[in-house]
Amino acid sequence: MATIKCRNITFDNIQAILFDKNGTLEDSETYLRSLAQKAARLIDAQIPGTGEPLLMAFGINGNLLDPAGLISVASRRETEVAAAAYIAETGKGWFECLKIARQALDEAEKYIGKTPSPLFVGSLDLLKYLQDGGLKLGILSAATTEEVHNFVANHQLSDYIQLEMGVDDGPSKPDPMLFLQACQALGVEPGATLMVGDSVGDMQMARDAKAAGCIGITWVGKSDNVRGADVVINQLDEIQILEMSIA
């Protein structure tokens, strides 16, 4: 058990911390922006006129990525469905729309390649510090489980991360079932587990699951993106262990 402090807020009797991936531990802005732009171009090449509306839907404005936008926070399945909905406005059948959206995102991923996005400054140090402090750590991401596995492997985090969980065919954020499943897999109670994330969905999911607390991180200084957080931080090193106790 640990007492965790963030700014002027303390959380008692904490056994585990779950982290979002994109925008929390991983600086994935460049990758996500490129993915959205390439997918929109591919779809626009097949259905002219859909490119610009798709970019707006994805959360791309010029060369800027909205950290609260679709491509930043939605699961892969949700992104496919949203893109398909724009295609469907042209009168094509729904299953064809889904196929076009899925193929465009697949092709965009292959085009961009597998170069891993960098960790945010302090991510590795924080994970080491918390693991050394006896806490169980996990990643709970809207990315696919395969992407989470690749992220952990690319950055050699397996010594620190005990749970690598993404969204595949089941529920997506902010469904509290995700958080409850993650806690069960770690062998901890939700009430002894903190959530650290960069989106409203992370905060709502953890709150609805009766988590011990919600820590919102906004590297870009937009606290609205983590509305519902118990405390908002701008750097990961603001998460500190005050004391440890034997359960």
Protein backbone atom coordinates (compact mmCIF):
# COMPACT_ATOMS: atom_id res chain seq x y z
CA MET A 1 0.00 0.00 0.00
CA ALA A 2 1.22 3.48 -0.81
CA THR A 3 0.18 7.05 -0.24
CA ILE A 4 0.48 8.92 -3.54
CA LYS A 5 0.66 12.69 -3.75
CA CYS A 6 -0.01 14.90 -6.78
CA ARG A 7 0.23 18.61 -6.13
CA ASN A 8 -2.08 19.22 -3.16
CA ILE A 9 -4.03 15.96 -3.44
CA THR A 10 -3.15 12.69 -1.68
CA PHE A 11 -4.47 9.20 -2.39
CA ASP A 12 -4.21 6.64 0.41
CA ASN A 13 -3.93 2.84 0.35
CA ILE A 14 -2.93 2.59 -3.32
CA GLN A 15 -1.80 -0.77 -4.67
CA ALA A 16 -1.80 -0.18 -8.43
CA ILE A 17 -1.71 2.53 -11.09
CA LEU A 18 -3.12 2.15 -14.60
CA PHE A 19 -1.79 4.38 -17.37
CA ASP A 20 -3.27 5.34 -20.70
CA LYS A 21 -0.72 5.06 -23.56
CA ASN A 22 -1.24 7.65 -26.31
CA GLY A 23 -0.73 11.16 -25.00
CA THR A 24 0.11 9.95 -21.49
CA LEU A 25 3.28 7.82 -21.62
CA GLU A 26 3.81 7.99 -25.38
CA ASP A 27 4.26 11.15 -27.46
CA SER A 28 2.24 9.82 -30.39
CA GLU A 29 1.14 13.15 -31.88
CA THR A 30 3.26 12.91 -35.04
CA TYR A 31 2.22 9.31 -35.71
CA LEU A 32 -1.50 9.92 -35.15
CA ARG A 33 -1.51 13.07 -37.28
CA SER A 34 0.24 11.25 -40.13
CA LEU A 35 -2.13 8.29 -39.81
CA ALA A 36 -5.21 10.52 -40.03
CA GLN A 37 -3.86 12.53 -42.95
CA LYS A 38 -2.87 9.47 -44.98
CA ALA A 39 -6.15 7.63 -44.31
CA ALA A 40 -8.18 10.71 -45.26
CA ARG A 41 -6.23 11.07 -48.53
CA LEU A 42 -6.74 7.39 -49.38
CA ILE A 43 -10.47 7.63 -48.76
CA ASP A 44 -10.75 10.91 -50.65
CA ALA A 45 -9.06 9.30 -53.65
CA GLN A 46 -11.93 6.80 -53.80
CA ILE A 47 -14.74 9.12 -52.74
CA PRO A 48 -13.78 12.69 -53.71
CA GLY A 49 -14.92 15.35 -51.29
CA THR A 50 -14.69 13.25 -48.14
CA GLY A 51 -11.07 14.12 -47.27
CA GLU A 52 -11.54 17.49 -45.55
CA PRO A 53 -14.60 16.49 -43.50
CA LEU A 54 -12.76 13.33 -42.43
CA LEU A 55 -9.75 15.31 -41.28
CA MET A 56 -12.01 17.50 -39.17
CA ALA A 57 -13.71 14.42 -37.75
CA PHE A 58 -10.34 12.86 -36.93
CA GLY A 59 -9.38 16.04 -35.05
CA ILE A 60 -6.88 17.45 -37.55
CA ASN A 61 -6.85 21.20 -38.17
CA GLY A 62 -4.12 22.13 -40.61
CA ASN A 63 -1.06 20.55 -39.09
CA LEU A 64 -2.45 20.51 -35.56
CA LEU A 65 -3.81 17.46 -33.75
CA ASP A 66 -6.63 17.86 -31.24
CA PRO A 67 -5.63 15.71 -28.23
CA ALA A 68 -9.34 15.26 -27.49
CA GLY A 69 -10.19 14.37 -31.10
CA LEU A 70 -11.28 11.07 -32.60
CA ILE A 71 -7.90 9.80 -33.82
CA SER A 72 -6.35 10.63 -30.43
CA VAL A 73 -8.78 8.96 -28.05
CA ALA A 74 -11.04 6.52 -29.92
CA SER A 75 -10.42 2.82 -30.35
CA ARG A 76 -9.50 1.50 -33.79
CA ARG A 77 -13.00 0.06 -34.21
CA GLU A 78 -14.62 3.39 -33.30
CA THR A 79 -12.36 5.20 -35.76
CA GLU A 80 -13.38 2.81 -38.53
CA VAL A 81 -17.07 3.28 -37.77
CA ALA A 82 -16.79 7.07 -37.64
CA ALA A 83 -14.91 7.19 -40.96
CA ALA A 84 -17.45 4.81 -42.51
CA ALA A 85 -20.28 7.09 -41.42
CA TYR A 86 -18.80 9.96 -43.45
CA ILE A 87 -18.43 7.67 -46.46
CA ALA A 88 -22.04 6.50 -46.01
CA GLU A 89 -23.24 10.06 -46.57
CA THR A 90 -22.36 9.55 -50.24
CA GLY A 91 -25.00 6.84 -50.50
CA LYS A 92 -22.80 3.75 -50.47
CA GLY A 93 -23.89 0.63 -48.62
CA TRP A 94 -22.84 0.37 -44.97
CA PHE A 95 -20.70 -2.75 -45.27
CA GLU A 96 -18.86 -1.29 -48.24
CA CYS A 97 -18.26 1.89 -46.23
CA LEU A 98 -16.79 -0.11 -43.34
CA LYS A 99 -14.55 -2.01 -45.74
CA ILE A 100 -13.25 1.17 -47.37
CA ALA A 101 -12.53 2.77 -43.97
CA ARG A 102 -10.80 -0.34 -42.61
CA GLN A 103 -8.64 -0.80 -45.69
CA ALA A 104 -7.64 2.87 -45.72
CA LEU A 105 -6.55 2.77 -42.08
CA ASP A 106 -4.68 -0.51 -42.64
CA GLU A 107 -2.89 0.91 -45.68
CA ALA A 108 -2.10 4.15 -43.87
CA GLU A 109 -0.52 2.21 -40.99
CA LYS A 110 1.63 0.21 -43.42
CA TYR A 111 2.66 3.36 -45.29
CA ILE A 112 3.72 5.20 -42.14
CA GLY A 113 5.66 2.20 -40.91
CA LYS A 114 6.47 0.78 -37.52
CA THR A 115 8.90 3.39 -36.18
CA PRO A 116 7.91 3.67 -32.51
CA SER A 117 6.75 6.99 -31.12
CA PRO A 118 8.98 8.34 -28.34
CA LEU A 119 8.18 8.22 -24.66
CA PHE A 120 7.33 11.51 -23.03
CA VAL A 121 10.13 12.90 -20.91
CA GLY A 122 10.06 11.25 -17.49
CA SER A 123 7.88 8.26 -18.45
CA LEU A 124 10.58 5.63 -17.96
CA ASP A 125 11.91 7.22 -14.77
CA LEU A 126 8.41 7.35 -13.29
CA LEU A 127 7.64 3.72 -14.09
CA LYS A 128 10.92 2.61 -12.51
CA TYR A 129 10.27 4.77 -9.44
CA LEU A 130 6.74 3.48 -8.92
CA GLN A 131 7.70 -0.15 -9.51
CA ASP A 132 10.60 0.17 -7.07
CA GLY A 133 8.02 1.54 -4.62
CA GLY A 134 6.11 -1.75 -4.76
CA LEU A 135 3.17 -0.64 -6.88
CA LYS A 136 1.59 -2.79 -9.58
CA LEU A 137 1.57 -0.98 -12.92
CA GLY A 138 -0.50 -1.52 -16.03
CA ILE A 139 -1.34 0.09 -19.35
CA LEU A 140 -5.01 0.44 -20.26
CA SER A 141 -5.25 1.97 -23.72
CA ALA A 142 -7.85 2.56 -26.42
CA ALA A 143 -5.22 1.28 -28.86
CA THR A 144 -5.34 -2.41 -29.77
CA THR A 145 -3.76 -4.91 -27.41
CA GLU A 146 -1.18 -5.66 -30.12
CA GLU A 147 -0.21 -1.99 -30.23
CA VAL A 148 0.17 -1.95 -26.44
CA HIS A 149 2.39 -5.08 -26.60
CA ASN A 150 4.52 -3.45 -29.31
CA PHE A 151 4.82 -0.24 -27.30
CA VAL A 152 6.03 -2.12 -24.21
CA ALA A 153 8.47 -4.19 -26.28
CA ASN A 154 9.83 -1.25 -28.29
CA HIS A 155 10.61 0.75 -25.16
CA GLN A 156 11.66 -2.26 -23.06
CA LEU A 157 9.10 -1.63 -20.34
CA SER A 158 8.24 -5.25 -19.53
CA ASP A 159 10.20 -5.14 -16.27
CA TYR A 160 7.85 -2.41 -15.01
CA ILE A 161 4.49 -3.10 -16.66
CA GLN A 162 2.49 -6.05 -15.32
CA LEU A 163 -0.60 -5.56 -17.49
CA GLU A 164 -0.70 -4.69 -21.20
CA MET A 165 -4.34 -4.14 -22.13
CA GLY A 166 -5.90 -2.54 -25.18
CA VAL A 167 -9.31 -2.44 -26.82
CA ASP A 168 -10.08 -5.09 -29.42
CA ASP A 169 -13.61 -6.43 -29.90
CA GLY A 170 -14.96 -5.72 -26.44
CA PRO A 171 -15.99 -2.52 -24.64
CA SER A 172 -14.10 0.72 -25.19
CA LYS A 173 -13.47 3.78 -23.06
CA PRO A 174 -15.25 5.17 -21.12
CA ASP A 175 -16.96 1.85 -20.29
CA PRO A 176 -16.00 1.11 -16.65
CA MET A 177 -15.90 -2.61 -17.47
CA LEU A 178 -12.45 -2.03 -19.00
CA PHE A 179 -11.10 -0.65 -15.75
CA LEU A 180 -12.72 -3.43 -13.73
CA GLN A 181 -11.24 -6.09 -16.03
CA ALA A 182 -7.80 -4.50 -15.73
CA CYS A 183 -8.00 -4.46 -11.93
CA GLN A 184 -9.11 -8.07 -11.86
CA ALA A 185 -6.19 -9.06 -14.09
CA LEU A 186 -3.78 -7.27 -11.74
CA GLY A 187 -5.40 -8.80 -8.66
CA VAL A 188 -6.31 -5.47 -7.07
CA GLU A 189 -9.52 -3.69 -6.11
CA PRO A 190 -10.64 -0.64 -8.13
CA GLY A 191 -10.73 1.31 -4.87
CA ALA A 192 -6.98 0.73 -4.48
CA THR A 193 -6.15 1.67 -8.07
CA LEU A 194 -5.40 5.04 -9.68
CA MET A 195 -5.96 5.96 -13.33
CA VAL A 196 -3.55 8.28 -15.14
CA GLY A 197 -4.73 9.52 -18.53
CA ASP A 198 -5.05 12.47 -20.88
CA SER A 199 -8.73 12.32 -21.83
CA VAL A 200 -12.20 12.81 -20.42
CA GLY A 201 -12.87 9.16 -21.30
CA ASP A 202 -10.08 7.99 -18.99
CA MET A 203 -11.48 10.05 -16.13
CA GLN A 204 -15.11 9.00 -16.66
CA MET A 205 -14.17 5.31 -16.98
CA ALA A 206 -12.23 5.33 -13.72
CA ARG A 207 -14.87 7.33 -11.84
CA ASP A 208 -17.66 5.02 -12.94
CA ALA A 209 -15.55 2.02 -11.89
CA LYS A 210 -15.12 3.57 -8.40
CA ALA A 211 -11.37 3.94 -8.77
CA ALA A 212 -9.29 5.35 -5.95
CA GLY A 213 -8.67 8.44 -8.03
CA CYS A 214 -8.19 9.98 -11.45
CA ILE A 215 -5.01 11.84 -12.38
CA GLY A 216 -5.31 13.87 -15.56
CA ILE A 217 -2.17 14.79 -17.44
CA THR A 218 -2.18 17.50 -20.05
CA TRP A 219 1.20 18.08 -21.68
CA VAL A 220 -0.41 20.87 -23.71
CA GLY A 221 -1.93 22.63 -20.70
CA LYS A 222 -5.60 22.11 -21.63
CA SER A 223 -7.35 21.02 -18.45
CA ASP A 224 -10.69 20.69 -20.29
CA ASN A 225 -9.24 17.58 -21.98
CA VAL A 226 -9.18 15.83 -18.58
CA ARG A 227 -12.38 17.23 -17.13
CA GLY A 228 -13.45 15.11 -14.17
CA ALA A 229 -9.92 14.49 -12.89
CA ASP A 230 -9.25 14.69 -9.16
CA VAL A 231 -6.01 16.49 -9.94
CA VAL A 232 -4.44 17.78 -13.16
CA ILE A 233 -0.68 17.60 -13.74
CA ASN A 234 1.60 18.79 -16.54
CA GLN A 235 4.55 16.48 -15.88
CA LEU A 236 4.65 12.84 -14.84
CA ASP A 237 7.18 13.52 -12.06
CA GLU A 238 4.39 15.28 -10.17
CA ILE A 239 3.23 11.78 -9.16
CA GLN A 240 5.09 11.08 -5.92
CA ILE A 241 5.10 8.32 -3.30
CA LEU A 242 4.75 9.86 0.15
CA GLU A 243 5.00 6.62 2.09
CA MET A 244 4.69 2.86 1.80
CA SER A 245 3.01 0.53 4.26
CA ILE A 246 2.72 -3.23 4.54
CA ALA A 247 -0.79 -4.38 3.61
